[in-house]
N, C-alpha and C. Protein backbone atom coordinates (compact mmCIF):
# COMPACT_ATOMS: atom_id res chain seq x y z
N MET A 1 -21.25 -2.76 82.66
CA MET A 1 -20.88 -3.49 83.86
C MET A 1 -21.10 -2.66 85.12
N LYS A 2 -21.13 -1.34 84.96
CA LYS A 2 -21.36 -0.51 86.15
C LYS A 2 -22.75 -0.75 86.71
N GLY A 3 -23.71 -0.99 85.83
CA GLY A 3 -25.07 -1.28 86.28
C GLY A 3 -25.15 -2.59 87.05
N VAL A 4 -24.41 -3.58 86.59
CA VAL A 4 -24.40 -4.88 87.28
C VAL A 4 -23.75 -4.72 88.65
N ALA A 5 -22.65 -3.97 88.72
CA ALA A 5 -21.99 -3.76 90.00
C ALA A 5 -22.89 -2.99 90.96
N LEU A 6 -23.58 -1.98 90.45
CA LEU A 6 -24.48 -1.20 91.30
C LEU A 6 -25.65 -2.05 91.78
N SER A 7 -26.23 -2.83 90.89
CA SER A 7 -27.36 -3.67 91.31
C SER A 7 -26.92 -4.74 92.31
N SER A 8 -25.72 -5.27 92.15
CA SER A 8 -25.19 -6.23 93.12
C SER A 8 -24.99 -5.57 94.48
N LEU A 9 -24.45 -4.36 94.47
CA LEU A 9 -24.25 -3.64 95.72
C LEU A 9 -25.58 -3.35 96.41
N LEU A 10 -26.56 -2.91 95.63
CA LEU A 10 -27.87 -2.62 96.21
C LEU A 10 -28.58 -3.87 96.71
N PHE A 11 -28.49 -4.95 95.96
CA PHE A 11 -29.14 -6.21 96.33
C PHE A 11 -28.59 -6.74 97.64
N PHE A 12 -27.28 -6.92 97.70
CA PHE A 12 -26.69 -7.49 98.91
C PHE A 12 -26.73 -6.50 100.06
N GLY A 13 -26.59 -5.22 99.78
CA GLY A 13 -26.70 -4.22 100.84
C GLY A 13 -28.08 -4.16 101.44
N PHE A 14 -29.10 -4.31 100.59
CA PHE A 14 -30.47 -4.30 101.07
C PHE A 14 -30.74 -5.46 102.02
N PHE A 15 -30.35 -6.67 101.62
CA PHE A 15 -30.61 -7.83 102.46
C PHE A 15 -29.76 -7.83 103.73
N ALA A 16 -28.52 -7.35 103.65
CA ALA A 16 -27.71 -7.24 104.86
C ALA A 16 -28.31 -6.19 105.80
N GLY A 17 -28.78 -5.10 105.25
CA GLY A 17 -29.43 -4.08 106.07
C GLY A 17 -30.70 -4.59 106.72
N ILE A 18 -31.49 -5.35 105.98
CA ILE A 18 -32.71 -5.93 106.55
C ILE A 18 -32.37 -6.88 107.69
N MET A 19 -31.33 -7.68 107.54
CA MET A 19 -30.95 -8.61 108.61
C MET A 19 -30.50 -7.86 109.86
N VAL A 20 -29.67 -6.83 109.69
CA VAL A 20 -29.20 -6.07 110.85
C VAL A 20 -30.35 -5.32 111.49
N TRP A 21 -31.20 -4.71 110.68
CA TRP A 21 -32.33 -3.94 111.20
C TRP A 21 -33.31 -4.83 111.96
N SER A 22 -33.63 -5.99 111.40
CA SER A 22 -34.57 -6.88 112.07
C SER A 22 -34.00 -7.41 113.38
N SER A 23 -32.70 -7.69 113.40
CA SER A 23 -32.08 -8.14 114.64
C SER A 23 -32.11 -7.03 115.68
N TRP A 24 -31.88 -5.81 115.28
CA TRP A 24 -31.91 -4.68 116.20
C TRP A 24 -33.31 -4.44 116.74
N ILE A 25 -34.32 -4.53 115.86
CA ILE A 25 -35.70 -4.34 116.28
C ILE A 25 -36.13 -5.42 117.27
N LEU A 26 -35.77 -6.67 116.98
CA LEU A 26 -36.13 -7.76 117.89
C LEU A 26 -35.40 -7.66 119.22
N THR A 27 -34.18 -7.15 119.19
CA THR A 27 -33.44 -6.98 120.44
C THR A 27 -34.04 -5.86 121.28
N MET A 28 -34.42 -4.77 120.65
CA MET A 28 -35.01 -3.65 121.38
C MET A 28 -36.41 -3.99 121.90
N GLY A 29 -37.07 -4.93 121.29
CA GLY A 29 -38.42 -5.30 121.70
C GLY A 29 -38.46 -6.28 122.86
N SER A 30 -37.30 -6.81 123.25
CA SER A 30 -37.31 -7.79 124.34
C SER A 30 -37.50 -7.07 125.68
N ASP A 31 -38.14 -7.75 126.62
CA ASP A 31 -38.47 -7.16 127.91
C ASP A 31 -37.37 -7.35 128.95
N THR A 32 -36.34 -8.08 128.62
CA THR A 32 -35.30 -8.37 129.60
C THR A 32 -34.31 -7.21 129.68
N THR A 33 -33.61 -7.16 130.79
CA THR A 33 -32.58 -6.13 130.94
C THR A 33 -31.31 -6.57 130.23
N THR A 34 -30.34 -5.67 130.19
CA THR A 34 -29.09 -5.97 129.48
C THR A 34 -28.35 -7.15 130.10
N ASN A 35 -28.38 -7.28 131.41
CA ASN A 35 -27.67 -8.38 132.06
C ASN A 35 -28.35 -9.73 131.84
N ASP A 36 -29.66 -9.72 131.68
CA ASP A 36 -30.40 -10.98 131.49
C ASP A 36 -30.48 -11.43 130.04
N MET A 37 -30.10 -10.58 129.09
CA MET A 37 -30.24 -10.93 127.67
C MET A 37 -29.43 -12.17 127.31
N TRP A 38 -28.18 -12.25 127.79
CA TRP A 38 -27.32 -13.34 127.38
C TRP A 38 -27.68 -14.66 128.07
N SER A 39 -28.50 -14.62 129.09
CA SER A 39 -28.96 -15.87 129.70
C SER A 39 -30.27 -16.34 129.08
N ASN A 40 -30.87 -15.53 128.24
CA ASN A 40 -32.11 -15.89 127.56
C ASN A 40 -31.76 -16.67 126.30
N TRP A 41 -32.25 -17.90 126.18
CA TRP A 41 -31.89 -18.74 125.03
C TRP A 41 -32.47 -18.21 123.72
N ALA A 42 -33.61 -17.53 123.74
CA ALA A 42 -34.19 -16.99 122.51
C ALA A 42 -33.33 -15.87 121.95
N PHE A 43 -32.77 -15.04 122.82
CA PHE A 43 -31.90 -13.96 122.37
C PHE A 43 -30.63 -14.52 121.74
N VAL A 44 -30.04 -15.51 122.37
CA VAL A 44 -28.81 -16.12 121.84
C VAL A 44 -29.10 -16.82 120.52
N ALA A 45 -30.23 -17.51 120.42
CA ALA A 45 -30.59 -18.18 119.16
C ALA A 45 -30.82 -17.15 118.05
N GLN A 46 -31.44 -16.03 118.40
CA GLN A 46 -31.65 -14.97 117.40
C GLN A 46 -30.33 -14.42 116.89
N ILE A 47 -29.38 -14.20 117.78
CA ILE A 47 -28.07 -13.70 117.38
C ILE A 47 -27.35 -14.70 116.49
N VAL A 48 -27.43 -15.98 116.84
CA VAL A 48 -26.75 -17.02 116.05
C VAL A 48 -27.37 -17.12 114.66
N VAL A 49 -28.69 -17.12 114.58
CA VAL A 49 -29.37 -17.23 113.28
C VAL A 49 -29.10 -16.01 112.42
N THR A 50 -29.19 -14.83 113.01
CA THR A 50 -28.93 -13.60 112.26
C THR A 50 -27.49 -13.55 111.77
N SER A 51 -26.55 -13.93 112.62
CA SER A 51 -25.14 -13.93 112.23
C SER A 51 -24.88 -14.93 111.11
N THR A 52 -25.54 -16.07 111.16
CA THR A 52 -25.36 -17.08 110.12
C THR A 52 -25.87 -16.58 108.78
N PHE A 53 -27.07 -16.02 108.76
CA PHE A 53 -27.61 -15.51 107.50
C PHE A 53 -26.80 -14.32 106.98
N LEU A 54 -26.34 -13.46 107.88
CA LEU A 54 -25.52 -12.33 107.46
C LEU A 54 -24.19 -12.80 106.88
N MET A 55 -23.62 -13.85 107.48
CA MET A 55 -22.39 -14.42 106.95
C MET A 55 -22.60 -14.99 105.55
N LEU A 56 -23.73 -15.67 105.34
CA LEU A 56 -24.03 -16.22 104.02
C LEU A 56 -24.23 -15.12 102.99
N ILE A 57 -24.91 -14.06 103.36
CA ILE A 57 -25.12 -12.94 102.44
C ILE A 57 -23.78 -12.33 102.05
N LEU A 58 -22.91 -12.11 103.02
CA LEU A 58 -21.61 -11.52 102.72
C LEU A 58 -20.72 -12.48 101.93
N LEU A 59 -20.85 -13.78 102.17
CA LEU A 59 -20.09 -14.76 101.39
C LEU A 59 -20.52 -14.76 99.93
N TYR A 60 -21.84 -14.73 99.70
CA TYR A 60 -22.32 -14.65 98.32
C TYR A 60 -21.92 -13.34 97.67
N ASN A 61 -21.84 -12.27 98.45
CA ASN A 61 -21.40 -10.99 97.92
C ASN A 61 -19.95 -11.05 97.46
N ILE A 62 -19.10 -11.69 98.24
CA ILE A 62 -17.70 -11.85 97.86
C ILE A 62 -17.57 -12.69 96.59
N ALA A 63 -18.34 -13.77 96.51
CA ALA A 63 -18.29 -14.63 95.32
C ALA A 63 -18.78 -13.88 94.09
N THR A 64 -19.83 -13.09 94.24
CA THR A 64 -20.35 -12.30 93.12
C THR A 64 -19.34 -11.28 92.65
N ASN A 65 -18.69 -10.60 93.59
CA ASN A 65 -17.69 -9.60 93.22
C ASN A 65 -16.49 -10.24 92.53
N THR A 66 -16.10 -11.44 92.97
CA THR A 66 -14.98 -12.13 92.34
C THR A 66 -15.30 -12.53 90.90
N VAL A 67 -16.48 -13.08 90.70
CA VAL A 67 -16.88 -13.48 89.34
C VAL A 67 -17.02 -12.25 88.44
N LEU A 68 -17.58 -11.19 88.96
CA LEU A 68 -17.72 -9.96 88.17
C LEU A 68 -16.35 -9.38 87.83
N TYR A 69 -15.42 -9.43 88.76
CA TYR A 69 -14.06 -8.94 88.51
C TYR A 69 -13.39 -9.74 87.40
N LEU A 70 -13.48 -11.08 87.48
CA LEU A 70 -12.86 -11.91 86.44
C LEU A 70 -13.55 -11.72 85.09
N TYR A 71 -14.85 -11.55 85.10
CA TYR A 71 -15.58 -11.33 83.85
C TYR A 71 -15.16 -10.01 83.20
N CYS A 72 -15.03 -8.97 84.01
CA CYS A 72 -14.60 -7.67 83.46
C CYS A 72 -13.16 -7.75 82.96
N LYS A 73 -12.30 -8.46 83.66
CA LYS A 73 -10.93 -8.65 83.19
C LYS A 73 -10.91 -9.42 81.87
N ALA A 74 -11.75 -10.41 81.73
CA ALA A 74 -11.79 -11.19 80.49
C ALA A 74 -12.31 -10.34 79.34
N ILE A 75 -13.26 -9.47 79.58
CA ILE A 75 -13.79 -8.61 78.52
C ILE A 75 -12.71 -7.66 78.02
N HIS A 76 -11.92 -7.11 78.94
CA HIS A 76 -10.90 -6.13 78.56
C HIS A 76 -9.60 -6.79 78.12
N GLY A 77 -9.51 -8.10 78.18
CA GLY A 77 -8.32 -8.80 77.71
C GLY A 77 -7.15 -8.74 78.67
N CYS A 78 -7.36 -8.37 79.89
CA CYS A 78 -6.26 -8.24 80.87
C CYS A 78 -6.09 -9.49 81.71
N LEU A 79 -6.90 -10.48 81.51
CA LEU A 79 -6.87 -11.64 82.41
C LEU A 79 -5.62 -12.49 82.19
N LEU A 80 -5.13 -12.54 80.96
CA LEU A 80 -3.97 -13.38 80.67
C LEU A 80 -2.66 -12.71 81.01
N ASN A 81 -2.67 -11.45 81.36
CA ASN A 81 -1.43 -10.73 81.68
C ASN A 81 -1.11 -10.76 83.16
N ILE A 82 -1.85 -11.52 83.95
CA ILE A 82 -1.59 -11.63 85.38
C ILE A 82 -0.36 -12.51 85.59
N CYS A 83 0.32 -12.34 86.71
CA CYS A 83 1.64 -12.96 86.92
C CYS A 83 1.64 -14.49 86.84
N CYS A 84 0.57 -15.17 87.16
CA CYS A 84 0.55 -16.64 87.12
C CYS A 84 -0.51 -17.13 86.15
N PRO A 85 -0.21 -17.18 84.88
CA PRO A 85 -1.23 -17.62 83.92
C PRO A 85 -1.60 -19.09 84.03
N CYS A 86 -0.76 -19.90 84.68
CA CYS A 86 -1.09 -21.33 84.79
C CYS A 86 -2.31 -21.54 85.69
N TYR A 87 -2.53 -20.65 86.66
CA TYR A 87 -3.70 -20.77 87.53
C TYR A 87 -4.93 -20.11 86.94
N ILE A 88 -4.72 -19.13 86.11
CA ILE A 88 -5.82 -18.34 85.58
C ILE A 88 -6.35 -18.93 84.27
N ALA A 89 -5.57 -19.76 83.60
CA ALA A 89 -5.96 -20.27 82.29
C ALA A 89 -7.31 -20.98 82.28
N PRO A 90 -7.62 -21.88 83.22
CA PRO A 90 -8.96 -22.52 83.18
C PRO A 90 -10.09 -21.51 83.35
N CYS A 91 -9.89 -20.52 84.23
CA CYS A 91 -10.93 -19.51 84.42
C CYS A 91 -11.07 -18.64 83.19
N SER A 92 -9.94 -18.27 82.59
CA SER A 92 -10.01 -17.37 81.44
C SER A 92 -10.66 -18.06 80.25
N THR A 93 -10.37 -19.35 80.04
CA THR A 93 -11.01 -20.03 78.92
C THR A 93 -12.52 -20.15 79.17
N PHE A 94 -12.90 -20.34 80.42
CA PHE A 94 -14.32 -20.40 80.74
C PHE A 94 -15.01 -19.09 80.38
N PHE A 95 -14.43 -17.96 80.80
CA PHE A 95 -15.04 -16.68 80.52
C PHE A 95 -14.98 -16.33 79.03
N PHE A 96 -13.90 -16.75 78.34
CA PHE A 96 -13.85 -16.50 76.90
C PHE A 96 -14.89 -17.33 76.15
N HIS A 97 -15.15 -18.55 76.62
CA HIS A 97 -16.22 -19.36 76.02
C HIS A 97 -17.57 -18.71 76.22
N ILE A 98 -17.79 -18.14 77.39
CA ILE A 98 -19.05 -17.42 77.65
C ILE A 98 -19.18 -16.24 76.70
N LEU A 99 -18.09 -15.51 76.51
CA LEU A 99 -18.13 -14.36 75.60
C LEU A 99 -18.41 -14.80 74.17
N LEU A 100 -17.79 -15.91 73.73
CA LEU A 100 -18.04 -16.40 72.38
C LEU A 100 -19.48 -16.87 72.21
N ILE A 101 -20.02 -17.54 73.19
CA ILE A 101 -21.41 -17.99 73.11
C ILE A 101 -22.35 -16.80 73.04
N ARG A 102 -22.07 -15.75 73.81
CA ARG A 102 -22.92 -14.55 73.78
C ARG A 102 -22.85 -13.87 72.42
N LYS A 103 -21.63 -13.80 71.85
CA LYS A 103 -21.48 -13.16 70.54
C LYS A 103 -22.17 -13.99 69.45
N GLU A 104 -22.05 -15.33 69.53
CA GLU A 104 -22.70 -16.19 68.52
C GLU A 104 -24.21 -16.11 68.63
N SER A 105 -24.73 -16.06 69.85
CA SER A 105 -26.18 -15.95 70.00
C SER A 105 -26.68 -14.59 69.55
N ALA A 106 -25.88 -13.56 69.76
CA ALA A 106 -26.27 -12.23 69.27
C ALA A 106 -26.26 -12.18 67.76
N LEU A 107 -25.30 -12.87 67.14
CA LEU A 107 -25.25 -12.91 65.68
C LEU A 107 -26.42 -13.69 65.12
N MET A 108 -26.82 -14.77 65.81
CA MET A 108 -27.95 -15.57 65.34
C MET A 108 -29.24 -14.79 65.45
N ILE A 109 -29.36 -13.96 66.46
CA ILE A 109 -30.58 -13.18 66.63
C ILE A 109 -30.68 -12.09 65.58
N THR A 110 -29.56 -11.45 65.25
CA THR A 110 -29.58 -10.35 64.28
C THR A 110 -29.71 -10.85 62.85
N SER A 111 -29.27 -12.06 62.56
CA SER A 111 -29.35 -12.53 61.18
C SER A 111 -30.61 -13.32 60.89
């Protein structure tokens, strides 16, 4: 699981870095002064688009980390020991079904 966490960190970090870097490069390449930048509609549109894509990247990163956390908890058997099992039960059964399907498919491949 450490490899999956590292690859997720590198994947989302790479794309977030590309978004920030490209926005910085486009901002530095503009011919307007600092006072005129905010009155330029292209600059404002660039900031809005870059912020939107960066927000989506970070949102997907949070969702990926949450699913990875629950999957790791399900593997180690700690998911059912959380204080509110009534909320976690549907998620835990989902992850346990995934684990059973993976084990059954691995058994079918080896036999």
